[in-house]
Amino acid sequence: MIDLLPASAVCAQLGLRLRALRLARNLGQAELAARAGCSLSAVRRLEAQGQGSLELVVRVAQALQAADGLGALFELPAVTSIAQAEAAAGGPVRRRASRRSAGAAK
């Protein structure tokens, strides 16, 4: 479902999840900022608007001990056939040559 949302909505939703996880870990914003090595305003902006650098997201995830969730972020899908493996590799797709009919002009 997240694929159907605009990027700003996805970022806002992730900010809300971040806030919920921080509260579940019983941390204040200032303490999270100190653990992540960033400013308090950066944590506030990340929670409120979902805005921040990728490095900030990684630091905050590490500070919350939630970095394992980042592993699947850009994971390639599992390959189930040779055709999918070739397509994933980006190589040329093999195609058969068209057959010429007996009456076709050369």
PDB file of N, CA and C in Angstrom:
ATOM      1  N   MET A   1       0.807  -1.196   0.000  1.00  0.00           N
ATOM      2  CA  MET A   1       0.000   0.000   0.000  1.00  0.00           C
ATOM      3  C   MET A   1       0.850   1.259   0.000  1.00  0.00           C
ATOM      4  N   ILE A   2       2.031   1.172   0.571  1.00  0.00           N
ATOM      5  CA  ILE A   2       2.884   2.358   0.675  1.00  0.00           C
ATOM      6  C   ILE A   2       3.345   2.820  -0.706  1.00  0.00           C
ATOM      7  N   ASP A   3       3.356   1.897  -1.682  1.00  0.00           N
ATOM      8  CA  ASP A   3       3.757   2.252  -3.043  1.00  0.00           C
ATOM      9  C   ASP A   3       2.790   3.239  -3.693  1.00  0.00           C
ATOM     10  N   LEU A   4       1.553   3.261  -3.231  1.00  0.00           N
ATOM     11  CA  LEU A   4       0.534   4.097  -3.844  1.00  0.00           C
ATOM     12  C   LEU A   4       0.507   5.512  -3.282  1.00  0.00           C
ATOM     13  N   LEU A   5       1.217   5.748  -2.195  1.00  0.00           N
ATOM     14  CA  LEU A   5       1.213   7.062  -1.546  1.00  0.00           C
ATOM     15  C   LEU A   5       2.240   7.991  -2.178  1.00  0.00           C
ATOM     16  N   PRO A   6       1.981   9.293  -2.157  1.00  0.00           N
ATOM     17  CA  PRO A   6       3.014  10.237  -2.612  1.00  0.00           C
ATOM     18  C   PRO A   6       4.199  10.212  -1.644  1.00  0.00           C
ATOM     19  N   ALA A   7       5.349  10.612  -2.129  1.00  0.00           N
ATOM     20  CA  ALA A   7       6.577  10.557  -1.325  1.00  0.00           C
ATOM     21  C   ALA A   7       6.436  11.328  -0.017  1.00  0.00           C
ATOM     22  N   SER A   8       5.777  12.466  -0.039  1.00  0.00           N
ATOM     23  CA  SER A   8       5.625  13.261   1.183  1.00  0.00           C
ATOM     24  C   SER A   8       4.806  12.516   2.234  1.00  0.00           C
ATOM     25  N   ALA A   9       3.803  11.765   1.803  1.00  0.00           N
ATOM     26  CA  ALA A   9       2.983  10.995   2.739  1.00  0.00           C
ATOM     27  C   ALA A   9       3.774   9.826   3.319  1.00  0.00           C
ATOM     28  N   VAL A  10       4.602   9.193   2.497  1.00  0.00           N
ATOM     29  CA  VAL A  10       5.450   8.104   2.990  1.00  0.00           C
ATOM     30  C   VAL A  10       6.420   8.636   4.035  1.00  0.00           C
ATOM     31  N   CYS A  11       7.044   9.768   3.767  1.00  0.00           N
ATOM     32  CA  CYS A  11       7.981  10.370   4.719  1.00  0.00           C
ATOM     33  C   CYS A  11       7.284  10.740   6.019  1.00  0.00           C
ATOM     34  N   ALA A  12       6.096  11.309   5.920  1.00  0.00           N
ATOM     35  CA  ALA A  12       5.343  11.677   7.124  1.00  0.00           C
ATOM     36  C   ALA A  12       4.985  10.442   7.936  1.00  0.00           C
ATOM     37  N   GLN A  13       4.596   9.374   7.261  1.00  0.00           N
ATOM     38  CA  GLN A  13       4.249   8.132   7.946  1.00  0.00           C
ATOM     39  C   GLN A  13       5.475   7.529   8.645  1.00  0.00           C
ATOM     40  N   LEU A  14       6.617   7.585   7.991  1.00  0.00           N
ATOM     41  CA  LEU A  14       7.846   7.087   8.622  1.00  0.00           C
ATOM     42  C   LEU A  14       8.222   7.939   9.829  1.00  0.00           C
ATOM     43  N   GLY A  15       7.986   9.231   9.750  1.00  0.00           N
ATOM     44  CA  GLY A  15       8.229  10.105  10.893  1.00  0.00           C
ATOM     45  C   GLY A  15       7.363   9.733  12.082  1.00  0.00           C
ATOM     46  N   LEU A  16       6.099   9.403  11.809  1.00  0.00           N
ATOM     47  CA  LEU A  16       5.199   8.973  12.883  1.00  0.00           C
ATOM     48  C   LEU A  16       5.644   7.645  13.489  1.00  0.00           C
ATOM     49  N   ARG A  17       6.121   6.737  12.639  1.00  0.00           N
ATOM     50  CA  ARG A  17       6.631   5.450  13.148  1.00  0.00           C
ATOM     51  C   ARG A  17       7.874   5.663  14.004  1.00  0.00           C
ATOM     52  N   LEU A  18       8.720   6.571  13.573  1.00  0.00           N
ATOM     53  CA  LEU A  18       9.921   6.896  14.337  1.00  0.00           C
ATOM     54  C   LEU A  18       9.538   7.419  15.719  1.00  0.00           C
ATOM     55  N   ARG A  19       8.598   8.334  15.750  1.00  0.00           N
ATOM     56  CA  ARG A  19       8.151   8.899  17.033  1.00  0.00           C
ATOM     57  C   ARG A  19       7.583   7.804  17.936  1.00  0.00           C
ATOM     58  N   ALA A  20       6.754   6.927  17.376  1.00  0.00           N
ATOM     59  CA  ALA A  20       6.153   5.844  18.161  1.00  0.00           C
ATOM     60  C   ALA A  20       7.224   4.908  18.715  1.00  0.00           C
ATOM     61  N   LEU A  21       8.229   4.601  17.908  1.00  0.00           N
ATOM     62  CA  LEU A  21       9.303   3.718  18.370  1.00  0.00           C
ATOM     63  C   LEU A  21      10.134   4.401  19.449  1.00  0.00           C
ATOM     64  N   ARG A  22      10.404   5.687  19.264  1.00  0.00           N
ATOM     65  CA  ARG A  22      11.158   6.433  20.283  1.00  0.00           C
ATOM     66  C   ARG A  22      10.412   6.425  21.610  1.00  0.00           C
ATOM     67  N   LEU A  23       9.106   6.663  21.566  1.00  0.00           N
ATOM     68  CA  LEU A  23       8.307   6.665  22.786  1.00  0.00           C
ATOM     69  C   LEU A  23       8.230   5.268  23.401  1.00  0.00           C
ATOM     70  N   ALA A  24       8.161   4.241  22.564  1.00  0.00           N
ATOM     71  CA  ALA A  24       8.151   2.862  23.066  1.00  0.00           C
ATOM     72  C   ALA A  24       9.464   2.517  23.763  1.00  0.00           C
ATOM     73  N   ARG A  25      10.552   3.132  23.303  1.00  0.00           N
ATOM     74  CA  ARG A  25      11.869   2.917  23.933  1.00  0.00           C
ATOM     75  C   ARG A  25      12.070   3.846  25.129  1.00  0.00           C
ATOM     76  N   ASN A  26      11.046   4.675  25.394  1.00  0.00           N
ATOM     77  CA  ASN A  26      11.067   5.592  26.535  1.00  0.00           C
ATOM     78  C   ASN A  26      12.227   6.592  26.446  1.00  0.00           C
ATOM     79  N   LEU A  27      12.399   7.159  25.263  1.00  0.00           N
ATOM     80  CA  LEU A  27      13.455   8.145  25.032  1.00  0.00           C
ATOM     81  C   LEU A  27      12.834   9.494  24.692  1.00  0.00           C
ATOM     82  N   GLY A  28      13.451  10.544  25.158  1.00  0.00           N
ATOM     83  CA  GLY A  28      13.066  11.887  24.754  1.00  0.00           C
ATOM     84  C   GLY A  28      13.771  12.236  23.450  1.00  0.00           C
ATOM     85  N   GLN A  29      13.293  13.271  22.800  1.00  0.00           N
ATOM     86  CA  GLN A  29      13.915  13.692  21.548  1.00  0.00           C
ATOM     87  C   GLN A  29      15.365  14.117  21.757  1.00  0.00           C
ATOM     88  N   ALA A  30      15.640  14.805  22.843  1.00  0.00           N
ATOM     89  CA  ALA A  30      17.007  15.265  23.115  1.00  0.00           C
ATOM     90  C   ALA A  30      17.945  14.081  23.346  1.00  0.00           C
ATOM     91  N   GLU A  31      17.469  13.072  24.054  1.00  0.00           N
ATOM     92  CA  GLU A  31      18.316  11.901  24.305  1.00  0.00           C
ATOM     93  C   GLU A  31      18.570  11.129  23.010  1.00  0.00           C
ATOM     94  N   LEU A  32      17.548  11.003  22.167  1.00  0.00           N
ATOM     95  CA  LEU A  32      17.729  10.336  20.876  1.00  0.00           C
ATOM     96  C   LEU A  32      18.724  11.097  20.016  1.00  0.00           C
ATOM     97  N   ALA A  33      18.619  12.422  20.010  1.00  0.00           N
ATOM     98  CA  ALA A  33      19.552  13.239  19.235  1.00  0.00           C
ATOM     99  C   ALA A  33      20.983  13.031  19.722  1.00  0.00           C
ATOM    100  N   ALA A  34      21.169  12.967  21.041  1.00  0.00           N
ATOM    101  CA  ALA A  34      22.506  12.748  21.592  1.00  0.00           C
ATOM    102  C   ALA A  34      23.040  11.371  21.201  1.00  0.00           C
ATOM    103  N   ARG A  35      22.194  10.356  21.265  1.00  0.00           N
ATOM    104  CA  ARG A  35      22.622   8.996  20.900  1.00  0.00           C
ATOM    105  C   ARG A  35      22.934   8.877  19.414  1.00  0.00           C
ATOM    106  N   ALA A  36      22.186   9.615  18.589  1.00  0.00           N
ATOM    107  CA  ALA A  36      22.378   9.552  17.141  1.00  0.00           C
ATOM    108  C   ALA A  36      23.481  10.495  16.665  1.00  0.00           C
ATOM    109  N   GLY A  37      23.932  11.378  17.546  1.00  0.00           N
ATOM    110  CA  GLY A  37      24.978  12.319  17.161  1.00  0.00           C
ATOM    111  C   GLY A  37      24.482  13.388  16.204  1.00  0.00           C
ATOM    112  N   CYS A  38      23.274  13.866  16.435  1.00  0.00           N
ATOM    113  CA  CYS A  38      22.706  14.898  15.574  1.00  0.00           C
ATOM    114  C   CYS A  38      22.035  15.953  16.443  1.00  0.00           C
ATOM    115  N   SER A  39      21.512  16.972  15.814  1.00  0.00           N
ATOM    116  CA  SER A  39      20.875  18.046  16.568  1.00  0.00           C
ATOM    117  C   SER A  39      19.444  17.672  16.946  1.00  0.00           C
ATOM    118  N   LEU A  40      18.955  18.321  17.970  1.00  0.00           N
ATOM    119  CA  LEU A  40      17.574  18.126  18.409  1.00  0.00           C
ATOM    120  C   LEU A  40      16.604  18.543  17.305  1.00  0.00           C
ATOM    121  N   SER A  41      16.921  19.640  16.620  1.00  0.00           N
ATOM    122  CA  SER A  41      16.033  20.099  15.543  1.00  0.00           C
ATOM    123  C   SER A  41      15.957  19.084  14.402  1.00  0.00           C
ATOM    124  N   ALA A  42      17.042  18.349  14.165  1.00  0.00           N
ATOM    125  CA  ALA A  42      17.034  17.328  13.110  1.00  0.00           C
ATOM    126  C   ALA A  42      16.069  16.196  13.470  1.00  0.00           C
ATOM    127  N   VAL A  43      16.085  15.790  14.736  1.00  0.00           N
ATOM    128  CA  VAL A  43      15.165  14.737  15.181  1.00  0.00           C
ATOM    129  C   VAL A  43      13.729  15.238  15.112  1.00  0.00           C
ATOM    130  N   ARG A  44      13.494  16.460  15.540  1.00  0.00           N
ATOM    131  CA  ARG A  44      12.148  17.035  15.490  1.00  0.00           C
ATOM    132  C   ARG A  44      11.622  17.100  14.054  1.00  0.00           C
ATOM    133  N   ARG A  45      12.464  17.536  13.143  1.00  0.00           N
ATOM    134  CA  ARG A  45      12.066  17.648  11.735  1.00  0.00           C
ATOM    135  C   ARG A  45      11.798  16.258  11.138  1.00  0.00           C
ATOM    136  N   LEU A  46      12.626  15.303  11.512  1.00  0.00           N
ATOM    137  CA  LEU A  46      12.455  13.938  11.012  1.00  0.00           C
ATOM    138  C   LEU A  46      11.133  13.349  11.507  1.00  0.00           C
ATOM    139  N   GLU A  47      10.812  13.570  12.755  1.00  0.00           N
ATOM    140  CA  GLU A  47       9.555  13.049  13.298  1.00  0.00           C
ATOM    141  C   GLU A  47       8.339  13.784  12.758  1.00  0.00           C
ATOM    142  N   ALA A  48       8.416  15.090  12.680  1.00  0.00           N
ATOM    143  CA  ALA A  48       7.253  15.892  12.295  1.00  0.00           C
ATOM    144  C   ALA A  48       6.958  15.857  10.802  1.00  0.00           C
ATOM    145  N   GLN A  49       8.002  15.909   9.991  1.00  0.00           N
ATOM    146  CA  GLN A  49       7.805  16.036   8.547  1.00  0.00           C
ATOM    147  C   GLN A  49       8.398  14.885   7.759  1.00  0.00           C
ATOM    148  N   GLY A  50       9.165  14.027   8.424  1.00  0.00           N
ATOM    149  CA  GLY A  50       9.819  12.940   7.709  1.00  0.00           C
ATOM    150  C   GLY A  50      10.949  13.437   6.831  1.00  0.00           C
ATOM    151  N   GLN A  51      11.529  14.588   7.182  1.00  0.00           N
ATOM    152  CA  GLN A  51      12.597  15.168   6.368  1.00  0.00           C
ATOM    153  C   GLN A  51      13.932  15.066   7.074  1.00  0.00           C
ATOM    154  N   GLY A  52      14.916  14.596   6.345  1.00  0.00           N
ATOM    155  CA  GLY A  52      16.272  14.475   6.852  1.00  0.00           C
ATOM    156  C   GLY A  52      17.101  13.695   5.851  1.00  0.00           C
ATOM    157  N   SER A  53      18.378  13.690   6.062  1.00  0.00           N
ATOM    158  CA  SER A  53      19.251  12.966   5.142  1.00  0.00           C
ATOM    159  C   SER A  53      19.156  11.462   5.390  1.00  0.00           C
ATOM    160  N   LEU A  54      19.608  10.696   4.418  1.00  0.00           N
ATOM    161  CA  LEU A  54      19.643   9.247   4.575  1.00  0.00           C
ATOM    162  C   LEU A  54      20.575   8.867   5.719  1.00  0.00           C
ATOM    163  N   GLU A  55      21.681   9.594   5.846  1.00  0.00           N
ATOM    164  CA  GLU A  55      22.606   9.335   6.940  1.00  0.00           C
ATOM    165  C   GLU A  55      21.923   9.555   8.291  1.00  0.00           C
ATOM    166  N   LEU A  56      21.108  10.594   8.397  1.00  0.00           N
ATOM    167  CA  LEU A  56      20.380  10.852   9.637  1.00  0.00           C
ATOM    168  C   LEU A  56      19.428   9.707   9.953  1.00  0.00           C
ATOM    169  N   VAL A  57      18.723   9.230   8.946  1.00  0.00           N
ATOM    170  CA  VAL A  57      17.799   8.115   9.151  1.00  0.00           C
ATOM    171  C   VAL A  57      18.555   6.885   9.660  1.00  0.00           C
ATOM    172  N   VAL A  58      19.709   6.611   9.086  1.00  0.00           N
ATOM    173  CA  VAL A  58      20.510   5.465   9.516  1.00  0.00           C
ATOM    174  C   VAL A  58      20.986   5.660  10.945  1.00  0.00           C
ATOM    175  N   ARG A  59      21.483   6.838  11.267  1.00  0.00           N
ATOM    176  CA  ARG A  59      21.958   7.106  12.634  1.00  0.00           C
ATOM    177  C   ARG A  59      20.851   6.956  13.663  1.00  0.00           C
ATOM    178  N   VAL A  60      19.685   7.504  13.350  1.00  0.00           N
ATOM    179  CA  VAL A  60      18.555   7.413  14.277  1.00  0.00           C
ATOM    180  C   VAL A  60      18.096   5.960  14.410  1.00  0.00           C
ATOM    181  N   ALA A  61      18.049   5.237  13.298  1.00  0.00           N
ATOM    182  CA  ALA A  61      17.672   3.819  13.354  1.00  0.00           C
ATOM    183  C   ALA A  61      18.666   3.034  14.215  1.00  0.00           C
ATOM    184  N   GLN A  62      19.947   3.323  14.071  1.00  0.00           N
ATOM    185  CA  GLN A  62      20.954   2.649  14.890  1.00  0.00           C
ATOM    186  C   GLN A  62      20.792   3.009  16.364  1.00  0.00           C
ATOM    187  N   ALA A  63      20.517   4.271  16.649  1.00  0.00           N
ATOM    188  CA  ALA A  63      20.335   4.710  18.031  1.00  0.00           C
ATOM    189  C   ALA A  63      19.112   4.057  18.664  1.00  0.00           C
ATOM    190  N   LEU A  64      18.109   3.758  17.850  1.00  0.00           N
ATOM    191  CA  LEU A  64      16.892   3.099  18.341  1.00  0.00           C
ATOM    192  C   LEU A  64      16.984   1.579  18.264  1.00  0.00           C
ATOM    193  N   GLN A  65      18.133   1.071  17.843  1.00  0.00           N
ATOM    194  CA  GLN A  65      18.354  -0.367  17.656  1.00  0.00           C
ATOM    195  C   GLN A  65      17.321  -0.962  16.702  1.00  0.00           C
ATOM    196  N   ALA A  66      17.078  -0.233  15.626  1.00  0.00           N
ATOM    197  CA  ALA A  66      16.115  -0.660  14.618  1.00  0.00           C
ATOM    198  C   ALA A  66      16.727  -0.694  13.230  1.00  0.00           C
ATOM    199  N   ALA A  67      18.050  -0.720  13.152  1.00  0.00           N
ATOM    200  CA  ALA A  67      18.725  -0.668  11.851  1.00  0.00           C
ATOM    201  C   ALA A  67      18.551  -1.940  11.032  1.00  0.00           C
ATOM    202  N   ASP A  68      18.181  -3.045  11.675  1.00  0.00           N
ATOM    203  CA  ASP A  68      17.963  -4.276  10.913  1.00  0.00           C
ATOM    204  C   ASP A  68      16.859  -4.109   9.875  1.00  0.00           C
ATOM    205  N   GLY A  69      15.901  -3.243  10.163  1.00  0.00           N
ATOM    206  CA  GLY A  69      14.811  -2.991   9.228  1.00  0.00           C
ATOM    207  C   GLY A  69      15.264  -2.318   7.951  1.00  0.00           C
ATOM    208  N   LEU A  70      16.430  -1.693   7.977  1.00  0.00           N
ATOM    209  CA  LEU A  70      16.939  -1.019   6.784  1.00  0.00           C
ATOM    210  C   LEU A  70      17.491  -2.010   5.759  1.00  0.00           C
ATOM    211  N   GLY A  71      17.778  -3.215   6.206  1.00  0.00           N
ATOM    212  CA  GLY A  71      18.370  -4.221   5.324  1.00  0.00           C
ATOM    213  C   GLY A  71      17.507  -4.564   4.126  1.00  0.00           C
ATOM    214  N   ALA A  72      16.207  -4.495   4.281  1.00  0.00           N
ATOM    215  CA  ALA A  72      15.298  -4.864   3.198  1.00  0.00           C
ATOM    216  C   ALA A  72      14.886  -3.671   2.342  1.00  0.00           C
ATOM    217  N   LEU A  73      15.456  -2.514   2.615  1.00  0.00           N
ATOM    218  CA  LEU A  73      15.019  -1.298   1.939  1.00  0.00           C
ATOM    219  C   LEU A  73      15.150  -1.366   0.418  1.00  0.00           C
ATOM    220  N   PHE A  74      16.298  -1.757  -0.082  1.00  0.00           N
ATOM    221  CA  PHE A  74      16.505  -1.846  -1.530  1.00  0.00           C
ATOM    222  C   PHE A  74      16.896  -3.256  -1.935  1.00  0.00           C
ATOM    223  N   GLU A  75      16.301  -4.232  -1.282  1.00  0.00           N
ATOM    224  CA  GLU A  75      16.615  -5.630  -1.547  1.00  0.00           C
ATOM    225  C   GLU A  75      16.061  -6.048  -2.903  1.00  0.00           C
ATOM    226  N   LEU A  76      16.850  -6.793  -3.639  1.00  0.00           N
ATOM    227  CA  LEU A  76      16.398  -7.291  -4.938  1.00  0.00           C
ATOM    228  C   LEU A  76      15.408  -8.428  -4.727  1.00  0.00           C
ATOM    229  N   PRO A  77      14.410  -8.533  -5.589  1.00  0.00           N
ATOM    230  CA  PRO A  77      13.441  -9.623  -5.439  1.00  0.00           C
ATOM    231  C   PRO A  77      14.098 -10.967  -5.743  1.00  0.00           C
ATOM    232  N   ALA A  78      13.533 -12.011  -5.171  1.00  0.00           N
ATOM    233  CA  ALA A  78      14.053 -13.355  -5.404  1.00  0.00           C
ATOM    234  C   ALA A  78      13.812 -13.743  -6.860  1.00  0.00           C
ATOM    235  N   VAL A  79      14.782 -14.413  -7.448  1.00  0.00           N
ATOM    236  CA  VAL A  79      14.690 -14.847  -8.837  1.00  0.00           C
ATOM    237  C   VAL A  79      14.086 -16.245  -8.855  1.00  0.00           C
ATOM    238  N   THR A  80      13.066 -16.445  -9.681  1.00  0.00           N
ATOM    239  CA  THR A  80      12.411 -17.744  -9.742  1.00  0.00           C
ATOM    240  C   THR A  80      12.572 -18.441 -11.091  1.00  0.00           C
ATOM    241  N   SER A  81      13.161 -17.766 -12.070  1.00  0.00           N
ATOM    242  CA  SER A  81      13.370 -18.408 -13.366  1.00  0.00           C
ATOM    243  C   SER A  81      14.633 -17.852 -14.017  1.00  0.00           C
ATOM    244  N   ILE A  82      15.118 -18.546 -14.995  1.00  0.00           N
ATOM    245  CA  ILE A  82      16.310 -18.101 -15.730  1.00  0.00           C
ATOM    246  C   ILE A  82      16.010 -16.798 -16.458  1.00  0.00           C
ATOM    247  N   ALA A  83      14.809 -16.676 -17.014  1.00  0.00           N
ATOM    248  CA  ALA A  83      14.433 -15.446 -17.729  1.00  0.00           C
ATOM    249  C   ALA A  83      14.464 -14.251 -16.781  1.00  0.00           C
ATOM    250  N   GLN A  84      13.997 -14.433 -15.543  1.00  0.00           N
ATOM    251  CA  GLN A  84      14.030 -13.349 -14.564  1.00  0.00           C
ATOM    252  C   GLN A  84      15.471 -13.024 -14.184  1.00  0.00           C
ATOM    253  N   ALA A  85      16.320 -14.027 -14.071  1.00  0.00           N
ATOM    254  CA  ALA A  85      17.723 -13.790 -13.732  1.00  0.00           C
ATOM    255  C   ALA A  85      18.402 -12.995 -14.834  1.00  0.00           C
ATOM    256  N   GLU A  86      18.127 -13.341 -16.088  1.00  0.00           N
ATOM    257  CA  GLU A  86      18.711 -12.606 -17.205  1.00  0.00           C
ATOM    258  C   GLU A  86      18.198 -11.169 -17.245  1.00  0.00           C
ATOM    259  N   ALA A  87      16.919 -10.996 -16.982  1.00  0.00           N
ATOM    260  CA  ALA A  87      16.342  -9.651 -16.982  1.00  0.00           C
ATOM    261  C   ALA A  87      16.919  -8.821 -15.849  1.00  0.00           C
ATOM    262  N   ALA A  88      17.116  -9.432 -14.677  1.00  0.00           N
ATOM    263  CA  ALA A  88      17.676  -8.720 -13.523  1.00  0.00           C
ATOM    264  C   ALA A  88      19.123  -8.334 -13.771  1.00  0.00           C
ATOM    265  N   ALA A  89      19.838  -9.154 -14.527  1.00  0.00           N
ATOM    266  CA  ALA A  89      21.235  -8.870 -14.819  1.00  0.00           C
ATOM    267  C   ALA A  89      21.370  -7.715 -15.801  1.00  0.00           C
ATOM    268  N   GLY A  90      20.299  -7.383 -16.485  1.00  0.00           N
ATOM    269  CA  GLY A  90      20.321  -6.261 -17.409  1.00  0.00           C
ATOM    270  C   GLY A  90      20.917  -6.594 -18.757  1.00  0.00           C
ATOM    271  N   GLY A  91      21.167  -7.852 -18.993  1.00  0.00           N
ATOM    272  CA  GLY A  91      21.725  -8.266 -20.271  1.00  0.00           C
ATOM    273  C   GLY A  91      20.673  -8.223 -21.366  1.00  0.00           C
ATOM    274  N   PRO A  92      21.110  -8.385 -22.599  1.00  0.00           N
ATOM    275  CA  PRO A  92      20.152  -8.372 -23.704  1.00  0.00           C
ATOM    276  C   PRO A  92      19.204  -9.568 -23.608  1.00  0.00           C
ATOM    277  N   VAL A  93      17.977  -9.337 -23.977  1.00  0.00           N
ATOM    278  CA  VAL A  93      16.982 -10.398 -23.969  1.00  0.00           C
ATOM    279  C   VAL A  93      17.093 -11.148 -25.287  1.00  0.00           C
ATOM    280  N   ARG A  94      17.224 -12.477 -25.189  1.00  0.00           N
ATOM    281  CA  ARG A  94      17.350 -13.288 -26.397  1.00  0.00           C
ATOM    282  C   ARG A  94      15.983 -13.460 -27.034  1.00  0.00           C
ATOM    283  N   ARG A  95      15.976 -13.307 -28.338  1.00  0.00           N
ATOM    284  CA  ARG A  95      14.728 -13.494 -29.087  1.00  0.00           C
ATOM    285  C   ARG A  95      15.034 -14.346 -30.309  1.00  0.00           C
ATOM    286  N   ARG A  96      14.050 -15.114 -30.716  1.00  0.00           N
ATOM    287  CA  ARG A  96      14.205 -15.912 -31.930  1.00  0.00           C
ATOM    288  C   ARG A  96      14.066 -15.021 -33.154  1.00  0.00           C
ATOM    289  N   ALA A  97      14.757 -15.389 -34.184  1.00  0.00           N
ATOM    290  CA  ALA A  97      14.594 -14.691 -35.454  1.00  0.00           C
ATOM    291  C   ALA A  97      13.247 -15.079 -36.040  1.00  0.00           C
ATOM    292  N   SER A  98      12.620 -14.136 -36.721  1.00  0.00           N
ATOM    293  CA  SER A  98      11.328 -14.451 -37.325  1.00  0.00           C
ATOM    294  C   SER A  98      11.535 -15.368 -38.518  1.00  0.00           C
ATOM    295  N   ARG A  99      10.589 -16.235 -38.713  1.00  0.00           N
ATOM    296  CA  ARG A  99      10.667 -17.162 -39.846  1.00  0.00           C
ATOM    297  C   ARG A  99      10.142 -16.469 -41.095  1.00  0.00           C
ATOM    298  N   ARG A 100      10.816 -16.727 -42.146  1.00  0.00           N
ATOM    299  CA  ARG A 100      10.344 -16.184 -43.426  1.00  0.00           C
ATOM    300  C   ARG A 100       9.419 -17.206 -44.068  1.00  0.00           C
ATOM    301  N   SER A 101       8.349 -16.706 -44.611  1.00  0.00           N
ATOM    302  CA  SER A 101       7.429 -17.626 -45.290  1.00  0.00           C
ATOM    303  C   SER A 101       7.964 -17.923 -46.683  1.00  0.00           C
ATOM    304  N   ALA A 102       7.547 -19.025 -47.251  1.00  0.00           N
ATOM    305  CA  ALA A 102       8.065 -19.474 -48.546  1.00  0.00           C
ATOM    306  C   ALA A 102       7.780 -18.463 -49.652  1.00  0.00           C
ATOM    307  N   GLY A 103       6.693 -17.731 -49.567  1.00  0.00           N
ATOM    308  CA  GLY A 103       6.335 -16.804 -50.631  1.00  0.00           C
ATOM    309  C   GLY A 103       6.787 -15.384 -50.354  1.00  0.00           C
ATOM    310  N   ALA A 104       7.550 -15.144 -49.296  1.00  0.00           N
ATOM    311  CA  ALA A 104       7.951 -13.788 -48.939  1.00  0.00           C
ATOM    312  C   ALA A 104       9.038 -13.291 -49.877  1.00  0.00           C
ATOM    313  N   ALA A 105       8.987 -12.029 -50.221  1.00  0.00           N
ATOM    314  CA  ALA A 105       9.999 -11.414 -51.087  1.00  0.00           C
ATOM    315  C   ALA A 105      11.264 -11.198 -50.301  1.00  0.00           C
ATOM    316  N   LYS A 106      12.400 -11.382 -50.971  1.00  0.00           N
ATOM    317  CA  LYS A 106      13.683 -11.223 -50.315  1.00  0.00           C
ATOM    318  C   LYS A 106      14.303  -9.920 -50.610  1.00  0.00           C
TER     319      LYS A 106
END
